[in-house]
Amino acid sequence: MRTIKQQHRAVSAPIDDLVTYRALPTRSVEHLDPFLFLNHHGPQTYKPNNRGLPFGPHPHRGFETVTFILEGDIMHEDTGGHQSVIHAGGIQWMTAGRGLIHAEVSSPEFKRTGGPLEILQLWVNLPAKHKMTEPRYVGLQEPEIPRVSLDEGRVSLQAISGEWAGTAGAVQPLADVALATVYFKAGGQLALTIPADHTIFCYVVRGQLRVQDQPAEALSLIEFNHDGDDLRFEAQSDAVLLLGHARPFNEPIVAYGPFVMNTNAEIQQAYQDYQAGKFGQWRG
């Protein structure tokens, strides 16, 4: 059984009036290769006639953003020509690749009516060979994502990418990255086998779990050693878990602002290309 190295508590990092917890990086961990960054927005309730999410047009290069909409919605637009409004239970998977500009804001309906909002955004690195790939975007509503029912219905797993309990995820990423959202009812148990050489990404979104027989509560990022391949989860209450795994890329990581590359020179080039308009022209 794989052992837990450390648990990290997400810290409050509000953005404007948006409740936000920063789960990765932590004070002691810069990244969990290839997982780079996780922001947990909410939970909170917006009043009617609100300003919505504050993420106006901004550039990215060299990695992917995976956004999990637990409550509320996100309206996406980018310079690759992609547009969508994704609702609760859906996901967005954007491959920034060689670079684009995008905005993630609330829909006009959400800004008008308000309501609950809770969103996770995970940044996943791209290997050097894919850093400059053509950008792409996949937006999926909840019914488009395969679900696996386990432990007599006490565990429900959304297969986002990779393979989970024999079910292929909805997204086929460039790198072999498996991601799932797992919903537990109190008492639900989940046992998985994940290769020991894979990095595990494990973040407790809601509720209380026992992970490898250790207690873990909401807003906890669990860091594992690479010493086994068996994982065990048991829910002490209704709970939600963001779970992923991938073989580390073991490549240099240079991150600055909205760009993640392998060298400082590549970061400088990213800024030059952005300023030269090579990420596309924003029409909003």
Protein backbone atom coordinates (compact mmCIF):
# COMPACT_ATOMS: atom_id res chain seq x y z
CA MET A 1 0.00 0.00 0.00
CA ARG A 2 1.34 3.42 -0.94
CA THR A 3 2.10 5.65 2.04
CA ILE A 4 1.18 9.29 2.58
CA LYS A 5 4.13 11.66 2.64
CA GLN A 6 2.31 14.76 3.84
CA GLN A 7 -1.04 16.52 3.92
CA HIS A 8 -1.21 20.14 2.85
CA ARG A 9 -4.00 22.51 3.84
CA ALA A 10 -5.26 24.87 1.14
CA VAL A 11 -4.82 28.53 2.10
CA SER A 12 -7.27 31.38 1.62
CA ALA A 13 -6.35 33.50 -1.41
CA PRO A 14 -9.43 35.55 -2.38
CA ILE A 15 -9.60 37.12 -5.85
CA ASP A 16 -11.73 40.26 -5.81
CA ASP A 17 -15.00 39.11 -4.19
CA LEU A 18 -14.43 35.47 -5.18
CA VAL A 19 -13.72 33.10 -2.29
CA THR A 20 -10.60 31.19 -3.33
CA TYR A 21 -8.35 28.60 -1.70
CA ARG A 22 -4.91 27.88 -3.15
CA ALA A 23 -4.19 24.16 -2.83
CA LEU A 24 -1.08 23.99 -5.05
CA PRO A 25 1.62 25.21 -4.90
CA THR A 26 1.97 25.01 -1.12
CA ARG A 27 4.61 26.45 1.17
CA SER A 28 6.60 23.24 0.90
CA VAL A 29 5.69 21.87 -2.55
CA GLU A 30 6.04 23.79 -5.82
CA HIS A 31 4.36 21.14 -7.95
CA LEU A 32 3.51 17.45 -8.14
CA ASP A 33 4.93 16.67 -11.58
CA PRO A 34 3.06 17.01 -13.94
CA PHE A 35 0.37 18.71 -11.79
CA LEU A 36 1.25 22.39 -11.37
CA PHE A 37 -1.48 24.41 -9.72
CA LEU A 38 -4.93 24.14 -8.16
CA ASN A 39 -7.32 26.93 -7.21
CA HIS A 40 -10.56 26.09 -5.41
CA HIS A 41 -13.13 28.87 -5.97
CA GLY A 42 -16.06 28.95 -3.56
CA PRO A 43 -18.24 27.59 -2.25
CA GLN A 44 -20.23 30.77 -2.05
CA THR A 45 -23.58 32.15 -3.14
CA TYR A 46 -23.81 35.11 -5.48
CA LYS A 47 -26.68 37.57 -5.17
CA PRO A 48 -28.77 38.54 -8.20
CA ASN A 49 -27.25 41.19 -10.47
CA ASN A 50 -23.67 40.24 -9.59
CA ARG A 51 -20.41 40.76 -11.49
CA GLY A 52 -19.67 37.02 -11.71
CA LEU A 53 -16.25 35.50 -12.17
CA PRO A 54 -13.38 37.99 -12.61
CA PHE A 55 -11.26 36.10 -15.14
CA GLY A 56 -11.26 38.40 -18.16
CA PRO A 57 -8.99 37.96 -21.20
CA HIS A 58 -5.51 36.65 -20.35
CA PRO A 59 -2.86 34.58 -22.18
CA HIS A 60 -1.42 31.08 -21.59
CA ARG A 61 1.30 28.96 -23.16
CA GLY A 62 2.88 25.59 -22.45
CA PHE A 63 0.30 23.75 -20.31
CA GLU A 64 -3.34 22.74 -19.97
CA THR A 65 -6.15 24.02 -17.76
CA VAL A 66 -8.79 21.59 -16.53
CA THR A 67 -11.79 23.28 -14.92
CA PHE A 68 -14.38 21.41 -12.86
CA ILE A 69 -17.71 23.19 -12.41
CA LEU A 70 -19.35 21.85 -9.23
CA GLU A 71 -21.90 24.67 -8.87
CA GLY A 72 -22.76 27.62 -11.07
CA ASP A 73 -21.43 27.99 -14.60
CA ILE A 74 -18.52 29.26 -16.71
CA MET A 75 -18.72 31.03 -20.04
CA HIS A 76 -15.54 30.36 -22.03
CA GLU A 77 -14.16 32.18 -25.06
CA ASP A 78 -10.69 32.07 -26.62
CA THR A 79 -8.74 33.28 -29.63
CA GLY A 80 -8.84 29.78 -31.09
CA GLY A 81 -12.50 30.41 -31.87
CA HIS A 82 -13.93 28.26 -29.06
CA GLN A 83 -16.99 29.35 -27.09
CA SER A 84 -19.21 27.58 -24.57
CA VAL A 85 -21.21 27.87 -21.36
CA ILE A 86 -20.59 24.86 -19.11
CA HIS A 87 -22.93 24.19 -16.20
CA ALA A 88 -22.68 22.36 -12.88
CA GLY A 89 -21.24 18.86 -13.24
CA GLY A 90 -19.39 19.71 -16.45
CA ILE A 91 -15.72 20.28 -17.23
CA GLN A 92 -13.50 22.31 -19.51
CA TRP A 93 -10.17 21.01 -20.81
CA MET A 94 -8.11 23.66 -22.58
CA THR A 95 -4.73 22.93 -24.14
CA ALA A 96 -2.94 26.27 -24.34
CA GLY A 97 -0.05 24.79 -26.33
CA ARG A 98 1.78 27.41 -28.38
CA GLY A 99 -0.44 30.11 -26.95
CA LEU A 100 -3.85 31.72 -26.90
CA ILE A 101 -5.89 34.30 -25.03
CA HIS A 102 -9.00 33.21 -23.18
CA ALA A 103 -11.62 34.51 -20.76
CA GLU A 104 -13.58 32.59 -18.13
CA VAL A 105 -16.53 34.57 -16.86
CA SER A 106 -20.05 33.89 -15.63
CA SER A 107 -22.91 33.67 -18.09
CA PRO A 108 -25.33 36.61 -18.38
CA GLU A 109 -28.00 34.40 -16.80
CA PHE A 110 -25.84 33.64 -13.73
CA LYS A 111 -24.95 37.31 -13.32
CA ARG A 112 -28.63 38.19 -13.51
CA THR A 113 -30.03 35.50 -11.20
CA GLY A 114 -27.06 34.60 -8.96
CA GLY A 115 -26.87 31.33 -7.08
CA PRO A 116 -24.30 28.91 -5.65
CA LEU A 117 -20.84 28.71 -7.20
CA GLU A 118 -17.96 26.28 -6.67
CA ILE A 119 -15.24 25.69 -9.27
CA LEU A 120 -11.85 23.96 -9.32
CA GLN A 121 -9.14 24.84 -11.80
CA LEU A 122 -6.16 22.54 -12.21
CA TRP A 123 -3.10 23.31 -14.33
CA VAL A 124 -1.45 20.28 -15.90
CA ASN A 125 1.97 20.58 -17.52
CA LEU A 126 2.68 19.60 -21.12
CA PRO A 127 5.85 17.68 -21.98
CA ALA A 128 8.46 19.61 -23.96
CA LYS A 129 7.47 17.87 -27.21
CA HIS A 130 3.92 19.24 -26.89
CA LYS A 131 4.62 22.72 -25.48
CA MET A 132 4.05 24.37 -28.87
CA THR A 133 1.18 22.20 -30.05
CA GLU A 134 -1.88 23.78 -31.63
CA PRO A 135 -4.31 25.01 -28.94
CA ARG A 136 -7.52 23.06 -28.45
CA TYR A 137 -10.56 23.16 -26.19
CA VAL A 138 -13.08 20.59 -25.01
CA GLY A 139 -16.16 21.66 -23.04
CA LEU A 140 -18.43 18.91 -21.72
CA GLN A 141 -21.70 19.04 -19.83
CA GLU A 142 -22.35 16.52 -17.05
CA PRO A 143 -24.32 14.00 -19.22
CA GLU A 144 -21.38 13.80 -21.66
CA ILE A 145 -18.97 12.52 -19.01
CA PRO A 146 -19.00 8.76 -18.26
CA ARG A 147 -19.94 7.79 -14.70
CA VAL A 148 -18.96 4.63 -12.89
CA SER A 149 -21.09 3.43 -9.97
CA LEU A 150 -19.09 1.53 -7.32
CA ASP A 151 -19.61 0.05 -3.86
CA GLU A 152 -23.32 -0.60 -4.43
CA GLY A 153 -23.93 3.01 -5.44
CA ARG A 154 -22.16 4.60 -2.49
CA VAL A 155 -19.37 5.84 -4.79
CA SER A 156 -19.93 7.61 -8.12
CA LEU A 157 -16.88 8.37 -10.25
CA GLN A 158 -16.82 10.81 -13.16
CA ALA A 159 -14.19 9.55 -15.61
CA ILE A 160 -12.67 12.72 -17.05
CA SER A 161 -9.55 11.22 -18.68
CA GLY A 162 -7.59 7.98 -18.52
CA GLU A 163 -9.26 4.73 -17.51
CA TRP A 164 -11.16 4.14 -14.28
CA ALA A 165 -12.64 0.77 -13.33
CA GLY A 166 -12.56 -0.28 -16.97
CA THR A 167 -14.27 2.89 -18.22
CA ALA A 168 -12.47 5.30 -20.54
CA GLY A 169 -12.62 8.97 -19.68
CA ALA A 170 -14.37 11.56 -21.80
CA VAL A 171 -11.16 13.38 -22.82
CA GLN A 172 -8.15 11.89 -24.58
CA PRO A 173 -5.24 14.15 -23.50
CA LEU A 174 -1.91 14.52 -25.26
CA ALA A 175 -0.05 13.08 -22.28
CA ASP A 176 -1.13 10.04 -20.28
CA VAL A 177 -2.92 11.94 -17.51
CA ALA A 178 -5.87 10.35 -15.71
CA LEU A 179 -8.38 12.58 -13.89
CA ALA A 180 -11.63 11.84 -12.11
CA THR A 181 -14.11 13.50 -9.80
CA VAL A 182 -15.30 11.06 -7.13
CA TYR A 183 -18.53 11.52 -5.16
CA PHE A 184 -18.89 9.51 -1.94
CA LYS A 185 -21.89 8.84 0.21
CA ALA A 186 -21.10 8.36 3.90
CA GLY A 187 -19.57 4.91 4.37
CA GLY A 188 -18.63 4.56 0.71
CA GLN A 189 -15.34 2.80 -0.02
CA LEU A 190 -13.03 2.92 -3.02
CA ALA A 191 -9.99 0.74 -3.73
CA LEU A 192 -7.70 1.49 -6.67
CA THR A 193 -4.42 0.26 -8.09
CA ILE A 194 -2.16 3.00 -9.46
CA PRO A 195 1.40 2.29 -10.62
CA ALA A 196 3.97 3.18 -7.96
CA ASP A 197 5.96 5.33 -10.39
CA HIS A 198 2.97 7.60 -11.06
CA THR A 199 2.43 10.88 -9.26
CA ILE A 200 -0.95 10.92 -7.53
CA PHE A 201 -3.00 14.10 -7.33
CA CYS A 202 -5.50 13.81 -4.48
CA TYR A 203 -7.52 16.79 -3.21
CA VAL A 204 -10.46 16.54 -0.80
CA VAL A 205 -13.01 19.08 -2.02
CA ARG A 206 -15.81 18.42 0.46
CA GLY A 207 -16.47 16.21 3.46
CA GLN A 208 -14.26 13.87 5.42
CA LEU A 209 -12.43 10.77 4.23
CA ARG A 210 -10.03 8.20 5.51
CA VAL A 211 -7.20 7.85 3.01
CA GLN A 212 -4.82 4.92 3.58
CA ASP A 213 -6.54 4.79 7.02
CA GLN A 214 -5.54 8.36 7.83
CA PRO A 215 -8.17 11.11 8.33
CA ALA A 216 -8.38 13.77 5.61
CA GLU A 217 -10.83 16.65 5.57
CA ALA A 218 -12.05 19.19 3.04
CA LEU A 219 -9.41 21.54 1.54
CA SER A 220 -6.65 18.96 2.02
CA LEU A 221 -4.10 18.09 -0.67
CA ILE A 222 -2.55 14.69 0.02
CA GLU A 223 1.00 14.04 -1.17
CA PHE A 224 2.05 10.41 -1.56
CA ASN A 225 5.35 8.58 -1.60
CA HIS A 226 6.23 6.36 -4.58
CA ASP A 227 6.35 3.16 -2.53
CA GLY A 228 3.28 1.15 -3.48
CA ASP A 229 0.39 0.87 -5.90
CA ASP A 230 -2.69 0.30 -3.71
CA LEU A 231 -4.98 3.13 -2.62
CA ARG A 232 -7.88 2.93 -0.17
CA PHE A 233 -10.55 5.53 0.54
CA GLU A 234 -13.45 5.43 3.00
CA ALA A 235 -15.93 8.27 3.42
CA GLN A 236 -16.72 9.39 6.95
CA SER A 237 -19.39 11.72 5.53
CA ASP A 238 -20.70 12.63 2.12
CA ALA A 239 -17.57 13.81 0.30
CA VAL A 240 -16.13 14.92 -3.04
CA LEU A 241 -12.59 14.08 -4.16
CA LEU A 242 -10.53 15.30 -7.10
CA LEU A 243 -8.24 12.42 -8.05
CA GLY A 244 -5.62 12.07 -10.75
CA HIS A 245 -2.39 10.33 -11.62
CA ALA A 246 0.33 10.46 -14.26
CA ARG A 247 3.91 9.39 -14.81
CA PRO A 248 6.17 12.39 -14.03
CA PHE A 249 7.70 14.11 -17.03
CA ASN A 250 10.97 14.74 -15.16
CA GLU A 251 11.70 17.83 -17.25
CA PRO A 252 12.77 21.32 -16.17
CA ILE A 253 9.83 23.54 -15.20
CA VAL A 254 10.10 27.30 -15.56
CA ALA A 255 6.85 29.07 -14.70
CA TYR A 256 6.32 32.80 -14.85
CA GLY A 257 2.89 34.36 -14.72
CA PRO A 258 0.60 32.69 -17.27
CA PHE A 259 3.36 30.73 -19.05
CA VAL A 260 4.97 27.39 -18.17
CA MET A 261 7.98 26.36 -20.25
CA ASN A 262 11.28 24.48 -19.86
CA THR A 263 13.77 27.40 -19.98
CA ASN A 264 13.94 31.10 -19.13
CA ALA A 265 14.60 31.85 -22.78
CA GLU A 266 11.30 30.17 -23.71
CA ILE A 267 9.47 32.32 -21.14
CA GLN A 268 10.99 35.47 -22.62
CA GLN A 269 9.97 34.29 -26.09
CA ALA A 270 6.42 33.68 -24.86
CA TYR A 271 6.13 37.29 -23.69
CA GLN A 272 7.59 38.57 -26.96
CA ASP A 273 5.18 36.45 -28.99
CA TYR A 274 2.22 37.57 -26.89
CA GLN A 275 3.15 41.25 -27.27
CA ALA A 276 3.59 40.71 -31.01
CA GLY A 277 0.03 39.45 -31.30
CA LYS A 278 0.96 35.84 -32.07
CA PHE A 279 -1.60 34.52 -29.54
CA GLY A 280 -4.43 35.96 -31.61
CA GLN A 281 -6.43 39.16 -31.32
CA TRP A 282 -9.11 39.45 -28.67
CA ARG A 283 -12.42 40.56 -30.17
CA GLY A 284 -14.40 41.02 -26.97
